[in-house]
Amino acid sequence: MAVRNFTKDINQKEIEELLCSSQMNITGEVHNQLIFLSVLNTFLSSTAILGNTLILVALRRDFSIGSPSKLLYRSLAITDLCVGVMAEPADIVYWMSVVNSKNNICSYANAVSFFTGYILCSVSLATLTSISADRLLALLLGLRYRQIVTLKRTYIAINGFWISSIAGTAVFYWYPAGACMALHLFTSLSCHHSVCLHKIFLTCVVTKFKYRVTCPEQFQTRRLH
C-alpha cells in the first residue's frame, strides 16, 4: 500500500475525517487520558470565565488607565473569556465524542475546536504583543504618546488582529502547505522587527543614561520643569 505524503497535500478536513473515523481504535490508556483532559479543561474553562469576568469589571471601574491601553486590556480579557466559553468546551466535546465513538459529533466538534482555538490564540498573542509595544511607545514618545497612540488607531489594530486571524485560520484549515510558508515569512519578519525594537529601546536607554551622567544639573532642571 502506498504511503501518502501528509506534508504535501493533506488538509485539516482529511485529518479530521481520519481522527473521527469509526476505524480508530482507542485503547484504555488513551481513553483515560482523554477523560482526564476533559476534566482538566472543565476546571480551566471555569477559572478563565471567572477570572476574565472580574478583570472586565475591574477595568470598567478603573479610570486611571488611558483609553487605548484600557481597550487593549479589555480586548485581551474578552479574547481569553471566549477561550473559556467556546474553545475549551469545544475541546471537551471533541474528546468525549472520540471516547464515546460519536463520529457525527466528533467531526463538527473538531472543526469548531480548530477554528476557535487558532483564532482566539492568535488574537490573544497579537494583543499581548500590542500591549508590550504600547508600553514601549509610552516610554519612548513621552508627551507625543497621546498624539500618536489614539483610540481610533487602537480599534483599527484590534480589528486587523481579528480579520487576519480568521483569514489565516481558514487558509491553514484548507491549505496547510501555503499557510506554513506564510507563517515562516511572518515569523521571519516578526523576528526582524523585534530585533529592531530592542535596538531602538537599548539605544534610548543608553542615551538617556549618558545624558544623566554627563549633564546631571540639566537633567534635574528638566525634571523640575
N, C-alpha and C. Protein backbone atom coordinates (compact mmCIF):
# COMPACT_ATOMS: atom_id res chain seq x y z
N MET A 1 0.86 -1.21 0.00
CA MET A 1 0.00 0.00 0.00
C MET A 1 0.89 1.25 0.00
N ALA A 2 0.55 2.14 -0.88
CA ALA A 2 1.35 3.36 -0.97
C ALA A 2 1.08 4.25 0.23
N VAL A 3 2.13 4.85 0.75
CA VAL A 3 2.01 5.76 1.88
C VAL A 3 1.84 7.17 1.36
N ARG A 4 0.81 7.83 1.82
CA ARG A 4 0.51 9.17 1.32
C ARG A 4 1.42 10.20 1.98
N ASN A 5 1.82 11.17 1.20
CA ASN A 5 2.67 12.23 1.71
C ASN A 5 1.79 13.27 2.41
N PHE A 6 1.74 13.20 3.75
CA PHE A 6 0.86 14.08 4.50
C PHE A 6 1.32 15.51 4.47
N THR A 7 2.60 15.73 4.31
CA THR A 7 3.12 17.09 4.35
C THR A 7 2.88 17.85 3.05
N LYS A 8 2.40 17.15 2.03
CA LYS A 8 2.31 17.80 0.72
C LYS A 8 0.91 18.32 0.46
N ASP A 9 -0.12 17.44 0.54
CA ASP A 9 -1.42 17.86 0.06
C ASP A 9 -2.57 17.52 1.00
N ILE A 10 -2.30 16.97 2.18
CA ILE A 10 -3.40 16.69 3.09
C ILE A 10 -3.80 17.97 3.80
N ASN A 11 -5.09 18.15 4.06
CA ASN A 11 -5.56 19.32 4.77
C ASN A 11 -6.23 18.90 6.07
N GLN A 12 -6.63 19.90 6.84
CA GLN A 12 -7.19 19.62 8.15
C GLN A 12 -8.48 18.83 8.07
N LYS A 13 -9.25 19.02 7.01
CA LYS A 13 -10.50 18.29 6.84
C LYS A 13 -10.25 16.79 6.75
N GLU A 14 -9.21 16.39 6.04
CA GLU A 14 -8.89 14.97 5.89
C GLU A 14 -8.36 14.39 7.21
N ILE A 15 -7.58 15.19 7.96
CA ILE A 15 -7.12 14.76 9.27
C ILE A 15 -8.31 14.57 10.20
N GLU A 16 -9.27 15.48 10.12
CA GLU A 16 -10.48 15.38 10.94
C GLU A 16 -11.25 14.10 10.63
N GLU A 17 -11.39 13.77 9.35
CA GLU A 17 -12.10 12.55 8.98
C GLU A 17 -11.36 11.32 9.48
N LEU A 18 -10.03 11.37 9.48
CA LEU A 18 -9.24 10.24 9.96
C LEU A 18 -9.40 10.07 11.47
N LEU A 19 -9.34 11.18 12.22
CA LEU A 19 -9.44 11.09 13.67
C LEU A 19 -10.83 10.67 14.12
N CYS A 20 -11.86 11.07 13.38
CA CYS A 20 -13.23 10.75 13.77
C CYS A 20 -13.75 9.49 13.07
N SER A 21 -12.88 8.74 12.43
CA SER A 21 -13.30 7.54 11.73
C SER A 21 -13.67 6.44 12.73
N SER A 22 -14.61 5.63 12.35
CA SER A 22 -15.02 4.52 13.21
C SER A 22 -13.95 3.44 13.28
N GLN A 23 -12.94 3.51 12.39
CA GLN A 23 -11.87 2.54 12.38
C GLN A 23 -10.78 2.85 13.40
N MET A 24 -10.86 4.03 14.02
CA MET A 24 -9.88 4.38 15.04
C MET A 24 -10.12 3.55 16.29
N ASN A 25 -9.07 2.91 16.77
CA ASN A 25 -9.15 2.08 17.96
C ASN A 25 -8.56 2.85 19.14
N ILE A 26 -9.41 3.18 20.12
CA ILE A 26 -8.98 3.90 21.31
C ILE A 26 -8.67 2.90 22.41
N THR A 27 -7.42 2.88 22.83
CA THR A 27 -7.02 1.97 23.90
C THR A 27 -7.48 2.51 25.25
N GLY A 28 -7.37 1.65 26.27
CA GLY A 28 -7.79 2.07 27.59
C GLY A 28 -6.99 3.22 28.14
N GLU A 29 -5.67 3.25 27.86
CA GLU A 29 -4.82 4.33 28.35
C GLU A 29 -5.19 5.65 27.70
N VAL A 30 -5.39 5.64 26.38
CA VAL A 30 -5.79 6.86 25.68
C VAL A 30 -7.18 7.30 26.15
N HIS A 31 -8.05 6.35 26.39
CA HIS A 31 -9.40 6.63 26.89
C HIS A 31 -9.32 7.40 28.21
N ASN A 32 -8.50 6.95 29.13
CA ASN A 32 -8.35 7.62 30.43
C ASN A 32 -7.70 8.99 30.29
N GLN A 33 -6.76 9.12 29.37
CA GLN A 33 -6.12 10.41 29.16
C GLN A 33 -7.09 11.45 28.63
N LEU A 34 -7.95 11.04 27.71
CA LEU A 34 -8.94 11.97 27.16
C LEU A 34 -9.95 12.40 28.22
N ILE A 35 -10.34 11.47 29.09
CA ILE A 35 -11.25 11.82 30.18
C ILE A 35 -10.57 12.80 31.15
N PHE A 36 -9.28 12.55 31.45
CA PHE A 36 -8.55 13.45 32.33
C PHE A 36 -8.44 14.85 31.72
N LEU A 37 -8.14 14.92 30.42
CA LEU A 37 -8.04 16.21 29.74
C LEU A 37 -9.38 16.94 29.75
N SER A 38 -10.46 16.20 29.62
CA SER A 38 -11.80 16.80 29.64
C SER A 38 -12.10 17.41 31.01
N VAL A 39 -11.78 16.67 32.07
CA VAL A 39 -12.00 17.19 33.43
C VAL A 39 -11.11 18.41 33.69
N LEU A 40 -9.84 18.32 33.26
CA LEU A 40 -8.92 19.45 33.47
C LEU A 40 -9.39 20.69 32.73
N ASN A 41 -9.86 20.52 31.48
CA ASN A 41 -10.33 21.67 30.71
C ASN A 41 -11.64 22.23 31.26
N THR A 42 -12.43 21.41 31.89
CA THR A 42 -13.63 21.92 32.56
C THR A 42 -13.25 22.88 33.68
N PHE A 43 -12.23 22.51 34.46
CA PHE A 43 -11.74 23.38 35.53
C PHE A 43 -11.13 24.65 34.95
N LEU A 44 -10.29 24.51 33.92
CA LEU A 44 -9.63 25.68 33.33
C LEU A 44 -10.64 26.61 32.67
N SER A 45 -11.67 26.04 32.08
CA SER A 45 -12.71 26.87 31.47
C SER A 45 -13.43 27.70 32.51
N SER A 46 -13.72 27.09 33.66
CA SER A 46 -14.41 27.82 34.73
C SER A 46 -13.55 28.95 35.28
N THR A 47 -12.26 28.67 35.49
CA THR A 47 -11.38 29.72 36.01
C THR A 47 -11.18 30.84 34.99
N ALA A 48 -11.12 30.49 33.70
CA ALA A 48 -10.96 31.52 32.66
C ALA A 48 -12.19 32.44 32.62
N ILE A 49 -13.37 31.85 32.73
CA ILE A 49 -14.59 32.65 32.70
C ILE A 49 -14.66 33.56 33.92
N LEU A 50 -14.41 33.00 35.09
CA LEU A 50 -14.49 33.79 36.32
C LEU A 50 -13.42 34.87 36.36
N GLY A 51 -12.16 34.49 36.08
CA GLY A 51 -11.06 35.45 36.17
C GLY A 51 -11.19 36.61 35.20
N ASN A 52 -11.52 36.32 33.94
CA ASN A 52 -11.62 37.39 32.94
C ASN A 52 -12.87 38.23 33.12
N THR A 53 -13.92 37.67 33.70
CA THR A 53 -15.10 38.48 34.03
C THR A 53 -14.75 39.50 35.10
N LEU A 54 -14.00 39.07 36.11
CA LEU A 54 -13.56 40.00 37.16
C LEU A 54 -12.65 41.08 36.59
N ILE A 55 -11.79 40.72 35.65
CA ILE A 55 -10.91 41.71 35.03
C ILE A 55 -11.72 42.76 34.26
N LEU A 56 -12.74 42.32 33.54
CA LEU A 56 -13.58 43.26 32.80
C LEU A 56 -14.33 44.20 33.74
N VAL A 57 -14.80 43.67 34.86
CA VAL A 57 -15.48 44.52 35.85
C VAL A 57 -14.51 45.53 36.44
N ALA A 58 -13.28 45.08 36.75
CA ALA A 58 -12.28 46.00 37.30
C ALA A 58 -11.90 47.09 36.30
N LEU A 59 -11.76 46.72 35.03
CA LEU A 59 -11.43 47.73 34.01
C LEU A 59 -12.56 48.73 33.83
N ARG A 60 -13.78 48.29 34.00
CA ARG A 60 -14.92 49.20 33.86
C ARG A 60 -14.93 50.25 34.96
N ARG A 61 -14.44 49.89 36.14
CA ARG A 61 -14.46 50.81 37.27
C ARG A 61 -13.17 51.59 37.43
N ASP A 62 -12.18 51.30 36.64
CA ASP A 62 -10.90 51.99 36.74
C ASP A 62 -10.83 53.12 35.73
N PHE A 63 -10.38 54.30 36.19
CA PHE A 63 -10.31 55.47 35.31
C PHE A 63 -8.89 56.03 35.23
N SER A 64 -7.93 55.32 35.81
CA SER A 64 -6.55 55.81 35.80
C SER A 64 -5.77 55.35 34.56
N ILE A 65 -6.28 54.35 33.86
CA ILE A 65 -5.59 53.83 32.67
C ILE A 65 -6.09 54.58 31.45
N GLY A 66 -5.17 54.90 30.55
CA GLY A 66 -5.54 55.58 29.31
C GLY A 66 -6.47 54.75 28.45
N SER A 67 -7.27 55.42 27.63
CA SER A 67 -8.27 54.73 26.82
C SER A 67 -7.68 53.69 25.86
N PRO A 68 -6.59 54.00 25.11
CA PRO A 68 -6.02 52.97 24.23
C PRO A 68 -5.52 51.75 24.99
N SER A 69 -4.83 51.99 26.11
CA SER A 69 -4.33 50.87 26.90
C SER A 69 -5.47 50.06 27.49
N LYS A 70 -6.49 50.74 27.97
CA LYS A 70 -7.64 50.03 28.54
C LYS A 70 -8.34 49.20 27.48
N LEU A 71 -8.42 49.71 26.27
CA LEU A 71 -9.04 48.96 25.18
C LEU A 71 -8.25 47.69 24.89
N LEU A 72 -6.94 47.77 24.91
CA LEU A 72 -6.11 46.58 24.68
C LEU A 72 -6.31 45.56 25.80
N TYR A 73 -6.32 46.02 27.04
CA TYR A 73 -6.54 45.11 28.17
C TYR A 73 -7.92 44.46 28.08
N ARG A 74 -8.90 45.26 27.70
CA ARG A 74 -10.27 44.73 27.60
C ARG A 74 -10.37 43.73 26.46
N SER A 75 -9.69 44.01 25.36
CA SER A 75 -9.70 43.07 24.23
C SER A 75 -9.05 41.75 24.63
N LEU A 76 -7.94 41.82 25.37
CA LEU A 76 -7.28 40.59 25.82
C LEU A 76 -8.17 39.80 26.76
N ALA A 77 -8.85 40.49 27.69
CA ALA A 77 -9.73 39.80 28.62
C ALA A 77 -10.92 39.16 27.90
N ILE A 78 -11.48 39.86 26.92
CA ILE A 78 -12.61 39.30 26.17
C ILE A 78 -12.17 38.08 25.37
N THR A 79 -10.99 38.16 24.77
CA THR A 79 -10.48 37.03 24.00
C THR A 79 -10.28 35.81 24.89
N ASP A 80 -9.66 36.01 26.05
CA ASP A 80 -9.45 34.89 26.97
C ASP A 80 -10.77 34.38 27.54
N LEU A 81 -11.73 35.28 27.70
CA LEU A 81 -13.06 34.85 28.14
C LEU A 81 -13.71 33.96 27.09
N CYS A 82 -13.54 34.31 25.83
CA CYS A 82 -14.08 33.48 24.75
C CYS A 82 -13.40 32.12 24.70
N VAL A 83 -12.13 32.06 25.09
CA VAL A 83 -11.45 30.77 25.16
C VAL A 83 -12.15 29.87 26.17
N GLY A 84 -12.50 30.44 27.34
CA GLY A 84 -13.19 29.66 28.35
C GLY A 84 -14.62 29.32 27.98
N VAL A 85 -15.25 30.17 27.19
CA VAL A 85 -16.67 29.94 26.84
C VAL A 85 -16.80 29.03 25.62
N MET A 86 -15.90 29.16 24.63
CA MET A 86 -16.05 28.43 23.37
C MET A 86 -14.97 27.40 23.10
N ALA A 87 -13.69 27.81 23.17
CA ALA A 87 -12.61 26.93 22.73
C ALA A 87 -12.47 25.69 23.61
N GLU A 88 -12.39 25.91 24.93
CA GLU A 88 -12.20 24.77 25.82
C GLU A 88 -13.43 23.85 25.88
N PRO A 89 -14.66 24.37 25.92
CA PRO A 89 -15.80 23.45 25.82
C PRO A 89 -15.84 22.66 24.51
N ALA A 90 -15.39 23.28 23.41
CA ALA A 90 -15.34 22.55 22.14
C ALA A 90 -14.33 21.42 22.21
N ASP A 91 -13.20 21.65 22.89
CA ASP A 91 -12.22 20.58 23.08
C ASP A 91 -12.81 19.43 23.90
N ILE A 92 -13.56 19.80 24.93
CA ILE A 92 -14.17 18.77 25.79
C ILE A 92 -15.16 17.92 24.99
N VAL A 93 -16.01 18.59 24.20
CA VAL A 93 -16.98 17.85 23.38
C VAL A 93 -16.27 16.96 22.38
N TYR A 94 -15.20 17.47 21.80
CA TYR A 94 -14.45 16.66 20.82
C TYR A 94 -13.84 15.42 21.46
N TRP A 95 -13.17 15.59 22.60
CA TRP A 95 -12.53 14.45 23.25
C TRP A 95 -13.56 13.41 23.71
N MET A 96 -14.67 13.89 24.28
CA MET A 96 -15.67 12.94 24.76
C MET A 96 -16.38 12.24 23.60
N SER A 97 -16.50 12.91 22.46
CA SER A 97 -17.10 12.25 21.29
C SER A 97 -16.18 11.17 20.75
N VAL A 98 -14.85 11.37 20.88
CA VAL A 98 -13.91 10.32 20.50
C VAL A 98 -14.01 9.15 21.45
N VAL A 99 -14.12 9.44 22.74
CA VAL A 99 -14.22 8.38 23.74
C VAL A 99 -15.47 7.55 23.54
N ASN A 100 -16.60 8.22 23.25
CA ASN A 100 -17.88 7.53 23.11
C ASN A 100 -18.20 7.13 21.67
N SER A 101 -17.22 7.35 20.75
CA SER A 101 -17.37 6.96 19.34
C SER A 101 -18.57 7.63 18.67
N LYS A 102 -18.77 8.91 18.99
CA LYS A 102 -19.82 9.69 18.35
C LYS A 102 -19.22 10.39 17.13
N ASN A 103 -19.21 9.69 16.00
CA ASN A 103 -18.48 10.19 14.84
C ASN A 103 -19.08 11.47 14.26
N ASN A 104 -20.41 11.58 14.25
CA ASN A 104 -21.04 12.79 13.70
C ASN A 104 -20.71 14.01 14.53
N ILE A 105 -20.80 13.86 15.85
CA ILE A 105 -20.47 14.98 16.75
C ILE A 105 -18.99 15.29 16.69
N CYS A 106 -18.18 14.25 16.55
CA CYS A 106 -16.72 14.41 16.56
C CYS A 106 -16.25 15.34 15.44
N SER A 107 -16.76 15.16 14.24
CA SER A 107 -16.30 15.97 13.11
C SER A 107 -16.63 17.44 13.29
N TYR A 108 -17.85 17.74 13.77
CA TYR A 108 -18.23 19.14 14.00
C TYR A 108 -17.45 19.74 15.16
N ALA A 109 -17.31 18.97 16.24
CA ALA A 109 -16.59 19.47 17.42
C ALA A 109 -15.13 19.74 17.10
N ASN A 110 -14.54 18.88 16.27
CA ASN A 110 -13.14 19.08 15.90
C ASN A 110 -12.96 20.35 15.08
N ALA A 111 -13.88 20.61 14.16
CA ALA A 111 -13.80 21.83 13.35
C ALA A 111 -13.97 23.08 14.21
N VAL A 112 -14.96 23.04 15.11
CA VAL A 112 -15.18 24.19 16.00
C VAL A 112 -13.97 24.41 16.90
N SER A 113 -13.42 23.32 17.43
CA SER A 113 -12.25 23.41 18.29
C SER A 113 -11.06 23.99 17.54
N PHE A 114 -10.89 23.56 16.30
CA PHE A 114 -9.77 24.05 15.49
C PHE A 114 -9.88 25.55 15.24
N PHE A 115 -11.05 25.99 14.78
CA PHE A 115 -11.22 27.40 14.43
C PHE A 115 -11.16 28.30 15.66
N THR A 116 -11.91 27.95 16.71
CA THR A 116 -11.91 28.80 17.90
C THR A 116 -10.54 28.84 18.56
N GLY A 117 -9.87 27.69 18.61
CA GLY A 117 -8.56 27.65 19.25
C GLY A 117 -7.53 28.50 18.53
N TYR A 118 -7.42 28.33 17.21
CA TYR A 118 -6.42 29.07 16.44
C TYR A 118 -6.75 30.56 16.38
N ILE A 119 -8.01 30.89 16.17
CA ILE A 119 -8.37 32.30 16.06
C ILE A 119 -8.15 33.03 17.37
N LEU A 120 -8.67 32.46 18.46
CA LEU A 120 -8.57 33.15 19.75
C LEU A 120 -7.14 33.22 20.25
N CYS A 121 -6.37 32.15 20.05
CA CYS A 121 -4.96 32.19 20.48
C CYS A 121 -4.16 33.20 19.66
N SER A 122 -4.45 33.29 18.36
CA SER A 122 -3.74 34.27 17.52
C SER A 122 -4.06 35.70 17.95
N VAL A 123 -5.34 35.97 18.20
CA VAL A 123 -5.73 37.31 18.63
C VAL A 123 -5.14 37.63 20.00
N SER A 124 -5.14 36.64 20.89
CA SER A 124 -4.59 36.86 22.23
C SER A 124 -3.09 37.18 22.18
N LEU A 125 -2.35 36.43 21.38
CA LEU A 125 -0.91 36.69 21.26
C LEU A 125 -0.64 38.04 20.61
N ALA A 126 -1.44 38.38 19.58
CA ALA A 126 -1.26 39.68 18.93
C ALA A 126 -1.57 40.82 19.89
N THR A 127 -2.59 40.64 20.72
CA THR A 127 -2.95 41.69 21.69
C THR A 127 -1.87 41.83 22.76
N LEU A 128 -1.32 40.71 23.21
CA LEU A 128 -0.22 40.78 24.18
C LEU A 128 0.98 41.52 23.60
N THR A 129 1.29 41.24 22.33
CA THR A 129 2.38 41.95 21.68
C THR A 129 2.09 43.45 21.58
N SER A 130 0.83 43.78 21.29
CA SER A 130 0.45 45.20 21.19
C SER A 130 0.55 45.90 22.54
N ILE A 131 0.20 45.21 23.61
CA ILE A 131 0.33 45.80 24.95
C ILE A 131 1.79 46.11 25.26
N SER A 132 2.68 45.18 24.89
CA SER A 132 4.12 45.43 25.10
C SER A 132 4.59 46.61 24.25
N ALA A 133 4.15 46.65 22.99
CA ALA A 133 4.53 47.77 22.13
C ALA A 133 3.95 49.09 22.64
N ASP A 134 2.75 49.04 23.19
CA ASP A 134 2.11 50.24 23.75
C ASP A 134 2.92 50.80 24.91
N ARG A 135 3.39 49.92 25.79
CA ARG A 135 4.20 50.37 26.93
C ARG A 135 5.56 50.91 26.45
N LEU A 136 6.12 50.29 25.41
CA LEU A 136 7.38 50.77 24.86
C LEU A 136 7.22 52.15 24.24
N LEU A 137 6.12 52.35 23.50
CA LEU A 137 5.87 53.66 22.90
C LEU A 137 5.63 54.72 23.96
N ALA A 138 4.96 54.35 25.05
CA ALA A 138 4.73 55.31 26.13
C ALA A 138 6.06 55.74 26.75
N LEU A 139 7.03 54.83 26.80
CA LEU A 139 8.33 55.16 27.35
C LEU A 139 9.16 56.01 26.39
N LEU A 140 9.08 55.70 25.11
CA LEU A 140 9.93 56.37 24.13
C LEU A 140 9.38 57.72 23.69
N LEU A 141 8.06 57.80 23.53
CA LEU A 141 7.47 59.01 22.94
C LEU A 141 7.23 60.11 23.96
N GLY A 142 7.01 59.76 25.20
CA GLY A 142 6.76 60.78 26.21
C GLY A 142 5.45 61.51 25.98
N LEU A 143 5.53 62.85 25.83
CA LEU A 143 4.31 63.65 25.65
C LEU A 143 3.65 63.43 24.30
N ARG A 144 4.39 62.94 23.32
CA ARG A 144 3.81 62.69 21.99
C ARG A 144 3.02 61.39 21.93
N TYR A 145 3.04 60.62 23.02
CA TYR A 145 2.36 59.32 23.04
C TYR A 145 0.87 59.47 22.78
N ARG A 146 0.22 60.45 23.42
CA ARG A 146 -1.23 60.63 23.26
C ARG A 146 -1.62 61.07 21.85
N GLN A 147 -0.69 61.73 21.16
CA GLN A 147 -0.98 62.16 19.79
C GLN A 147 -0.85 61.02 18.79
N ILE A 148 0.05 60.09 19.05
CA ILE A 148 0.30 59.00 18.10
C ILE A 148 -0.56 57.79 18.40
N VAL A 149 -0.62 57.38 19.66
CA VAL A 149 -1.42 56.21 20.05
C VAL A 149 -2.81 56.70 20.44
N THR A 150 -3.73 56.64 19.49
CA THR A 150 -5.09 57.11 19.72
C THR A 150 -6.06 55.94 19.82
N LEU A 151 -7.26 56.25 20.29
CA LEU A 151 -8.27 55.21 20.46
C LEU A 151 -8.71 54.65 19.11
N LYS A 152 -8.80 55.51 18.10
CA LYS A 152 -9.21 55.07 16.77
C LYS A 152 -8.19 54.10 16.18
N ARG A 153 -6.92 54.40 16.30
CA ARG A 153 -5.88 53.53 15.76
C ARG A 153 -5.84 52.20 16.52
N THR A 154 -6.14 52.25 17.80
CA THR A 154 -6.18 51.01 18.57
C THR A 154 -7.33 50.13 18.11
N TYR A 155 -8.48 50.73 17.84
CA TYR A 155 -9.62 49.97 17.30
C TYR A 155 -9.25 49.32 15.96
N ILE A 156 -8.59 50.09 15.11
CA ILE A 156 -8.18 49.56 13.80
C ILE A 156 -7.23 48.38 13.96
N ALA A 157 -6.29 48.50 14.89
CA ALA A 157 -5.33 47.41 15.12
C ALA A 157 -6.03 46.15 15.61
N ILE A 158 -6.96 46.30 16.54
CA ILE A 158 -7.67 45.13 17.08
C ILE A 158 -8.53 44.47 16.00
N ASN A 159 -9.22 45.29 15.21
CA ASN A 159 -9.99 44.72 14.10
C ASN A 159 -9.08 43.98 13.11
N GLY A 160 -7.90 44.53 12.87
CA GLY A 160 -6.94 43.87 11.99
C GLY A 160 -6.49 42.52 12.56
N PHE A 161 -6.32 42.46 13.89
CA PHE A 161 -5.96 41.18 14.51
C PHE A 161 -7.02 40.12 14.24
N TRP A 162 -8.27 40.49 14.42
CA TRP A 162 -9.36 39.52 14.24
C TRP A 162 -9.48 39.09 12.78
N ILE A 163 -9.41 40.05 11.87
CA ILE A 163 -9.56 39.71 10.45
C ILE A 163 -8.41 38.82 9.98
N SER A 164 -7.18 39.18 10.33
CA SER A 164 -6.04 38.39 9.90
C SER A 164 -6.04 37.01 10.55
N SER A 165 -6.48 36.90 11.81
CA SER A 165 -6.54 35.60 12.48
C SER A 165 -7.57 34.70 11.85
N ILE A 166 -8.74 35.25 11.53
CA ILE A 166 -9.79 34.44 10.89
C ILE A 166 -9.34 33.98 9.51
N ALA A 167 -8.75 34.91 8.74
CA ALA A 167 -8.29 34.55 7.40
C ALA A 167 -7.16 33.52 7.46
N GLY A 168 -6.21 33.72 8.36
CA GLY A 168 -5.10 32.79 8.48
C GLY A 168 -5.54 31.41 8.92
N THR A 169 -6.50 31.34 9.83
CA THR A 169 -7.00 30.04 10.29
C THR A 169 -7.74 29.32 9.17
N ALA A 170 -8.53 30.05 8.39
CA ALA A 170 -9.25 29.43 7.27
C ALA A 170 -8.27 28.89 6.23
N VAL A 171 -7.22 29.66 5.94
CA VAL A 171 -6.22 29.18 4.98
C VAL A 171 -5.50 27.95 5.51
N PHE A 172 -5.15 27.98 6.79
CA PHE A 172 -4.46 26.85 7.39
C PHE A 172 -5.34 25.60 7.44
N TYR A 173 -6.66 25.79 7.55
CA TYR A 173 -7.59 24.65 7.61
C TYR A 173 -7.68 23.93 6.27
N TRP A 174 -7.75 24.72 5.18
CA TRP A 174 -7.94 24.11 3.87
C TRP A 174 -6.64 23.98 3.07
N TYR A 175 -5.67 24.88 3.30
CA TYR A 175 -4.41 24.85 2.55
C TYR A 175 -3.23 24.96 3.52
N PRO A 176 -2.92 23.90 4.26
CA PRO A 176 -1.87 23.99 5.29
C PRO A 176 -0.49 24.26 4.73
N ALA A 177 -0.19 23.77 3.51
CA ALA A 177 1.14 23.99 2.94
C ALA A 177 1.40 25.47 2.69
N GLY A 178 0.42 26.16 2.08
CA GLY A 178 0.55 27.60 1.85
C GLY A 178 0.59 28.38 3.14
N ALA A 179 -0.18 27.93 4.13
CA ALA A 179 -0.18 28.61 5.41
C ALA A 179 1.16 28.49 6.12
N CYS A 180 1.82 27.34 5.97
CA CYS A 180 3.13 27.16 6.60
C CYS A 180 4.16 28.10 5.99
N MET A 181 4.09 28.30 4.67
CA MET A 181 5.01 29.24 4.03
C MET A 181 4.75 30.67 4.50
N ALA A 182 3.49 31.04 4.61
CA ALA A 182 3.15 32.38 5.09
C ALA A 182 3.57 32.56 6.54
N LEU A 183 3.39 31.50 7.35
CA LEU A 183 3.80 31.58 8.75
C LEU A 183 5.30 31.74 8.87
N HIS A 184 6.04 31.06 8.02
CA HIS A 184 7.51 31.18 8.04
C HIS A 184 7.93 32.61 7.68
N LEU A 185 7.28 33.19 6.68
CA LEU A 185 7.60 34.56 6.28
C LEU A 185 7.24 35.53 7.40
N PHE A 186 6.06 35.34 8.01
CA PHE A 186 5.62 36.22 9.09
C PHE A 186 6.56 36.13 10.28
N THR A 187 6.99 34.91 10.62
CA THR A 187 7.90 34.73 11.74
C THR A 187 9.23 35.42 11.49
N SER A 188 9.73 35.31 10.25
CA SER A 188 11.00 35.96 9.91
C SER A 188 10.89 37.47 10.04
N LEU A 189 9.79 38.03 9.52
CA LEU A 189 9.59 39.48 9.62
C LEU A 189 9.41 39.92 11.06
N SER A 190 8.68 39.13 11.85
CA SER A 190 8.45 39.47 13.25
C SER A 190 9.76 39.49 14.03
N CYS A 191 10.60 38.48 13.78
CA CYS A 191 11.89 38.43 14.46
C CYS A 191 12.75 39.63 14.08
N HIS A 192 12.70 40.02 12.79
CA HIS A 192 13.49 41.17 12.35
C HIS A 192 13.02 42.44 13.04
N HIS A 193 11.69 42.65 13.08
CA HIS A 193 11.16 43.86 13.72
C HIS A 193 11.40 43.82 15.22
N SER A 194 11.35 42.63 15.83
CA SER A 194 11.62 42.53 17.26
C SER A 194 13.04 42.95 17.59
N VAL A 195 13.99 42.50 16.76
CA VAL A 195 15.38 42.90 16.96
C VAL A 195 15.53 44.41 16.81
N CYS A 196 14.86 44.98 15.82
CA CYS A 196 14.94 46.44 15.61
C CYS A 196 14.38 47.20 16.81
N LEU A 197 13.24 46.73 17.35
CA LEU A 197 12.64 47.40 18.50
C LEU A 197 13.56 47.32 19.72
N HIS A 198 14.19 46.17 19.93
CA HIS A 198 15.10 46.05 21.05
C HIS A 198 16.30 46.97 20.89
N LYS A 199 16.81 47.11 19.65
CA LYS A 199 17.93 48.02 19.41
C LYS A 199 17.53 49.46 19.70
N ILE A 200 16.34 49.85 19.25
CA ILE A 200 15.87 51.22 19.50
C ILE A 200 15.72 51.46 20.99
N PHE A 201 15.14 50.48 21.70
CA PHE A 201 14.94 50.63 23.14
C PHE A 201 16.26 50.76 23.88
N LEU A 202 17.22 49.89 23.55
CA LEU A 202 18.52 49.94 24.21
C LEU A 202 19.25 51.24 23.90
N THR A 203 19.13 51.72 22.65
CA THR A 203 19.76 52.98 22.27
C THR A 203 19.21 54.14 23.09
N CYS A 204 17.89 54.17 23.24
CA CYS A 204 17.25 55.25 24.01
C CYS A 204 17.65 55.19 25.49
N VAL A 205 17.70 53.98 26.04
CA VAL A 205 18.07 53.84 27.45
C VAL A 205 19.51 54.27 27.68
N VAL A 206 20.42 53.81 26.79
CA VAL A 206 21.84 54.17 26.94
C VAL A 206 22.04 55.67 26.76
N THR A 207 21.35 56.26 25.78
CA THR A 207 21.48 57.70 25.55
C THR A 207 21.00 58.51 26.76
N LYS A 208 19.86 58.08 27.33
CA LYS A 208 19.32 58.78 28.50
C LYS A 208 20.26 58.64 29.69
N PHE A 209 20.85 57.46 29.86
CA PHE A 209 21.78 57.24 30.97
C PHE A 209 23.03 58.12 30.81
N LYS A 210 23.57 58.19 29.58
CA LYS A 210 24.75 59.02 29.34
C LYS A 210 24.43 60.49 29.63
N TYR A 211 23.22 60.91 29.24
CA TYR A 211 22.86 62.31 29.47
C TYR A 211 22.78 62.61 30.97
N ARG A 212 22.26 61.67 31.73
CA ARG A 212 22.16 61.87 33.17
C ARG A 212 23.54 61.92 33.82
N VAL A 213 24.47 61.13 33.30
CA VAL A 213 25.81 61.10 33.88
C VAL A 213 26.61 62.34 33.51
N THR A 214 26.54 62.75 32.25
CA THR A 214 27.36 63.88 31.77
C THR A 214 26.75 65.23 32.10
N CYS A 215 25.43 65.31 32.17
CA CYS A 215 24.76 66.59 32.42
C CYS A 215 23.75 66.43 33.55
N PRO A 216 24.18 66.13 34.77
CA PRO A 216 23.23 65.90 35.86
C PRO A 216 22.42 67.13 36.23
N GLU A 217 23.02 68.32 36.19
CA GLU A 217 22.30 69.52 36.57
C GLU A 217 21.19 69.83 35.57
N GLN A 218 21.50 69.73 34.27
CA GLN A 218 20.48 69.99 33.26
C GLN A 218 19.36 68.95 33.34
N PHE A 219 19.71 67.71 33.67
CA PHE A 219 18.69 66.67 33.77
C PHE A 219 17.73 66.95 34.92
N GLN A 220 18.29 67.39 36.09
CA GLN A 220 17.44 67.70 37.21
C GLN A 220 16.55 68.91 36.92
N THR A 221 17.11 69.91 36.17
CA THR A 221 16.31 71.09 35.80
C THR A 221 15.15 70.71 34.92
N ARG A 222 15.39 69.81 33.94
CA ARG A 222 14.32 69.35 33.03
C ARG A 222 13.25 68.59 33.79
N ARG A 223 13.65 67.79 34.79
CA ARG A 223 12.66 67.07 35.56
C ARG A 223 11.79 68.00 36.39
N LEU A 224 12.41 69.09 36.93
CA LEU A 224 11.62 70.04 37.72
C LEU A 224 10.63 70.78 36.86
N HIS A 225 11.01 71.08 35.61
CA HIS A 225 10.09 71.80 34.72
C HIS A 225 9.07 70.84 34.14
